[in-house]
Every structure is written in C-alpha cells, then in structure tokens.
C-alpha atoms as a PDB file:
ATOM      1  CA  GLN A   1     -94.559  30.762  14.429  1.00  0.00           C
ATOM      2  CA  VAL A   2     -96.237  27.588  13.962  1.00  0.00           C
ATOM      3  CA  GLN A   3     -96.751  25.272  16.977  1.00  0.00           C
ATOM      4  CA  LEU A   4     -97.998  22.163  18.014  1.00  0.00           C
ATOM      5  CA  VAL A   5     -98.525  20.715  21.326  1.00  0.00           C
ATOM      6  CA  GLU A   6     -99.444  17.051  21.831  1.00  0.00           C
ATOM      7  CA  SER A   7    -100.863  15.978  25.279  1.00  0.00           C
ATOM      8  CA  GLY A   8    -102.661  12.841  26.973  1.00  0.00           C
ATOM      9  CA  GLY A   9    -100.086  10.211  26.383  1.00  0.00           C
ATOM     10  CA  GLY A  10     -99.210   7.980  29.271  1.00  0.00           C
ATOM     11  CA  LEU A  11     -99.213   4.162  30.212  1.00  0.00           C
ATOM     12  CA  VAL A  12    -102.476   2.451  29.993  1.00  0.00           C
ATOM     13  CA  GLN A  13    -103.359  -1.523  29.924  1.00  0.00           C
ATOM     14  CA  ALA A  14    -104.253  -3.296  26.558  1.00  0.00           C
ATOM     15  CA  GLY A  15    -107.935  -2.995  26.104  1.00  0.00           C
ATOM     16  CA  GLY A  16    -108.252   0.204  27.305  1.00  0.00           C
ATOM     17  CA  PRO A  17    -108.988   3.913  25.915  1.00  0.00           C
ATOM     18  CA  LEU A  18    -106.617   6.889  25.541  1.00  0.00           C
ATOM     19  CA  ARG A  19    -107.313  10.346  24.402  1.00  0.00           C
ATOM     20  CA  LEU A  20    -104.504  12.271  22.785  1.00  0.00           C
ATOM     21  CA  ALA A  21    -104.849  16.085  22.185  1.00  0.00           C
ATOM     22  CA  CYS A  22    -102.941  18.459  19.953  1.00  0.00           C
ATOM     23  CA  ALA A  23    -103.289  22.279  20.249  1.00  0.00           C
ATOM     24  CA  ALA A  24    -102.393  24.159  17.575  1.00  0.00           C
ATOM     25  CA  SER A  25    -101.471  28.070  17.449  1.00  0.00           C
ATOM     26  CA  GLY A  26     -99.534  30.446  14.834  1.00  0.00           C
ATOM     27  CA  LEU A  27    -101.146  28.999  11.539  1.00  0.00           C
ATOM     28  CA  SER A  28    -104.603  29.478  10.572  1.00  0.00           C
ATOM     29  CA  PHE A  29    -106.256  26.434  11.770  1.00  0.00           C
ATOM     30  CA  ARG A  30    -108.964  25.466   9.711  1.00  0.00           C
ATOM     31  CA  SER A  31    -106.929  25.731   6.336  1.00  0.00           C
ATOM     32  CA  TYR A  32    -105.015  22.919   7.402  1.00  0.00           C
ATOM     33  CA  VAL A  33    -105.607  19.184   7.164  1.00  0.00           C
ATOM     34  CA  MET A  34    -104.426  17.761  10.214  1.00  0.00           C
ATOM     35  CA  GLY A  35    -102.784  14.493  10.795  1.00  0.00           C
ATOM     36  CA  TRP A  36    -101.679  11.982  13.606  1.00  0.00           C
ATOM     37  CA  PHE A  37     -98.391   9.634  13.117  1.00  0.00           C
ATOM     38  CA  ARG A  38     -96.776   7.175  15.375  1.00  0.00           C
ATOM     39  CA  GLN A  39     -93.184   5.952  15.409  1.00  0.00           C
ATOM     40  CA  ALA A  40     -92.223   2.856  17.517  1.00  0.00           C
ATOM     41  CA  PRO A  41     -88.310   1.998  18.363  1.00  0.00           C
ATOM     42  CA  GLY A  42     -86.375   1.280  15.438  1.00  0.00           C
ATOM     43  CA  LYS A  43     -89.402   1.507  13.127  1.00  0.00           C
ATOM     44  CA  GLU A  44     -90.024   4.503  10.506  1.00  0.00           C
ATOM     45  CA  ARG A  45     -92.735   7.406  11.126  1.00  0.00           C
ATOM     46  CA  GLU A  46     -95.926   5.785  10.368  1.00  0.00           C
ATOM     47  CA  PHE A  47     -99.867   7.225   9.564  1.00  0.00           C
ATOM     48  CA  VAL A  48    -102.445   6.856  11.915  1.00  0.00           C
ATOM     49  CA  ALA A  49    -105.191   9.259  11.162  1.00  0.00           C
ATOM     50  CA  ALA A  50    -106.195  12.500   9.024  1.00  0.00           C
ATOM     51  CA  ILE A  51    -109.049  14.905   8.977  1.00  0.00           C
ATOM     52  CA  SER A  52    -109.677  17.470   6.344  1.00  0.00           C
ATOM     53  CA  PHE A  53    -110.253  21.233   7.095  1.00  0.00           C
ATOM     54  CA  PHE A  54    -113.892  20.842   8.795  1.00  0.00           C
ATOM     55  CA  GLY A  55    -113.947  17.447  10.076  1.00  0.00           C
ATOM     56  CA  SER A  56    -116.053  15.786   7.031  1.00  0.00           C
ATOM     57  CA  SER A  57    -113.576  13.458   5.960  1.00  0.00           C
ATOM     58  CA  THR A  58    -111.014  11.270   7.809  1.00  0.00           C
ATOM     59  CA  ASN A  59    -108.358   8.659   6.793  1.00  0.00           C
ATOM     60  CA  TYR A  60    -106.960   5.898   8.711  1.00  0.00           C
ATOM     61  CA  ALA A  61    -104.350   3.154   8.501  1.00  0.00           C
ATOM     62  CA  ASP A  62    -105.407  -0.370   8.543  1.00  0.00           C
ATOM     63  CA  SER A  63    -104.199  -1.220  12.112  1.00  0.00           C
ATOM     64  CA  VAL A  64    -106.386   1.403  13.806  1.00  0.00           C
ATOM     65  CA  LYS A  65    -109.279   1.643  12.034  1.00  0.00           C
ATOM     66  CA  GLY A  66    -112.572   0.746  14.040  1.00  0.00           C
ATOM     67  CA  ARG A  67    -110.893   1.382  17.024  1.00  0.00           C
ATOM     68  CA  PHE A  68    -109.075   5.137  16.796  1.00  0.00           C
ATOM     69  CA  THR A  69    -111.193   8.190  16.041  1.00  0.00           C
ATOM     70  CA  ILE A  70    -109.791  11.606  14.858  1.00  0.00           C
ATOM     71  CA  SER A  71    -111.709  14.577  15.255  1.00  0.00           C
ATOM     72  CA  ARG A  72    -111.197  18.569  15.662  1.00  0.00           C
ATOM     73  CA  ASP A  73    -112.337  21.878  16.808  1.00  0.00           C
ATOM     74  CA  ASN A  74    -111.986  24.598  14.824  1.00  0.00           C
ATOM     75  CA  ALA A  75    -112.824  27.116  17.213  1.00  0.00           C
ATOM     76  CA  LYS A  76    -110.417  25.675  19.808  1.00  0.00           C
ATOM     77  CA  ALA A  77    -107.420  24.898  17.375  1.00  0.00           C
ATOM     78  CA  THR A  78    -107.564  21.388  18.456  1.00  0.00           C
ATOM     79  CA  VAL A  79    -107.745  17.732  16.936  1.00  0.00           C
ATOM     80  CA  LEU A  80    -108.073  14.929  19.037  1.00  0.00           C
ATOM     81  CA  LEU A  81    -107.346  11.072  18.759  1.00  0.00           C
ATOM     82  CA  GLN A  82    -109.562   8.992  20.879  1.00  0.00           C
ATOM     83  CA  MET A  83    -107.668   5.658  20.884  1.00  0.00           C
ATOM     84  CA  ASN A  84    -109.752   2.325  22.273  1.00  0.00           C
ATOM     85  CA  SER A  85    -109.511  -1.172  22.963  1.00  0.00           C
ATOM     86  CA  LEU A  86    -105.436  -0.743  22.547  1.00  0.00           C
ATOM     87  CA  LYS A  87    -103.148  -3.006  21.851  1.00  0.00           C
ATOM     88  CA  PRO A  88     -99.302  -3.042  22.996  1.00  0.00           C
ATOM     89  CA  GLU A  89     -98.400  -3.021  19.444  1.00  0.00           C
ATOM     90  CA  ASP A  90     -99.967   0.713  19.304  1.00  0.00           C
ATOM     91  CA  THR A  91     -96.971   1.688  22.005  1.00  0.00           C
ATOM     92  CA  ALA A  92     -94.971   4.399  20.157  1.00  0.00           C
ATOM     93  CA  VAL A  93     -94.396   8.062  20.457  1.00  0.00           C
ATOM     94  CA  TYR A  94     -97.499   9.751  18.624  1.00  0.00           C
ATOM     95  CA  TYR A  95     -97.269  13.131  16.702  1.00  0.00           C
ATOM     96  CA  CYS A  96     -99.426  15.612  15.755  1.00  0.00           C
ATOM     97  CA  ALA A  97     -98.808  17.320  12.042  1.00  0.00           C
ATOM     98  CA  ALA A  98    -100.322  20.158  10.226  1.00  0.00           C
ATOM     99  CA  ARG A  99    -100.191  19.187   5.857  1.00  0.00           C
ATOM    100  CA  ASN A 100     -98.601  21.325   3.722  1.00  0.00           C
ATOM    101  CA  PRO A 101    -101.365  23.301   1.950  1.00  0.00           C
ATOM    102  CA  LYS A 102    -100.507  22.490  -1.366  1.00  0.00           C
ATOM    103  CA  SER A 103    -100.164  18.750  -1.020  1.00  0.00           C
ATOM    104  CA  LEU A 104    -102.844  16.315  -1.799  1.00  0.00           C
ATOM    105  CA  ASP A 105    -101.512  13.703   0.195  1.00  0.00           C
ATOM    106  CA  VAL A 106    -102.261  12.555   3.643  1.00  0.00           C
ATOM    107  CA  TYR A 107    -100.597   9.372   4.254  1.00  0.00           C
ATOM    108  CA  ASN A 108     -96.901  10.136   3.659  1.00  0.00           C
ATOM    109  CA  VAL A 109     -94.714  12.113   5.876  1.00  0.00           C
ATOM    110  CA  GLY A 110     -93.246  14.282   3.727  1.00  0.00           C
ATOM    111  CA  ALA A 111     -96.552  15.974   3.157  1.00  0.00           C
ATOM    112  CA  TYR A 112     -96.839  17.516   6.676  1.00  0.00           C
ATOM    113  CA  ASP A 113     -94.967  20.923   6.988  1.00  0.00           C
ATOM    114  CA  HIS A 114     -95.341  21.268  10.819  1.00  0.00           C
ATOM    115  CA  TRP A 115     -95.092  18.800  13.697  1.00  0.00           C
ATOM    116  CA  GLY A 116     -95.366  18.686  17.589  1.00  0.00           C
ATOM    117  CA  GLN A 117     -92.694  16.903  20.048  1.00  0.00           C
ATOM    118  CA  GLY A 118     -94.528  14.194  20.391  1.00  0.00           C
ATOM    119  CA  THR A 119     -96.533  12.152  23.351  1.00  0.00           C
ATOM    120  CA  GLN A 120     -95.460   8.525  24.509  1.00  0.00           C
ATOM    121  CA  VAL A 121     -98.064   5.837  24.245  1.00  0.00           C
ATOM    122  CA  THR A 122     -97.293   2.616  26.258  1.00  0.00           C
ATOM    123  CA  VAL A 123     -99.653  -0.232  26.322  1.00  0.00           C
ATOM    124  CA  SER A 124     -98.775  -3.021  28.695  1.00  0.00           C
ATOM    125  CA  SER A 125     -99.957  -6.389  27.962  1.00  0.00           C
END
C-alpha cells in the first residue's frame, strides 16, 4: 500500500532553518504531484507548497514564499521541504501528500489522496 513517511521535524529557534523529508513507497512516485500541508492547533490544515512530476513547477503559500523551498528526487522517491527564516507562526504539524492523478488543483486538501502521519515543527521565539 501507499506509504508517505515524514521526518526532520523538531524544535528550532526563530530565524533558524529546518529541512523536512518525505519518503514515499507503494506508488509510481514520478506520476504524482507532491505537496506539503500544515496544521496548527485549532486551525484547519493549510497548503504550504507543491511540486510537479519532475520538479519543473512549484507553488507556494504566500506566507512561506521566499523562505521555503520544495524539491523532489524521483530516483529516491523523496520530496523535501527546506524551511529557512522560520517564524513562531510556522509552528504546526507538517504533512506530506500525494495528489490524486485526476485532479488539477494543488491548493486544496481534497485534491490529495495519500497522506503521511505528520511531523511536528515547533519554532520558539
């Protein structure tokens, strides 16, 4: 079955960097648009970033543009999220997701079929 496993979360001071990784298995990885979402306590899950099949196109939430970079390695079936200049408001559980092949949307939770278990990112002020 499809498995998405996130890693790299943790506690970091404001202004610092953190890199998240998502290892995928059980799917034809290069056939999926991949995304990162996050969910803070008491809030809805929100879009962070997405990357096209071969990495030629990326999309970002306005709140992370210029600070976060999404990338992928199809040979290793891995998607990365490099987070720089972290802010306390970036604190959340971060989820990796694989988009439904029939969807053209990248921003909405409902467009994604498969999800990881999440990894906690906490940014202290």
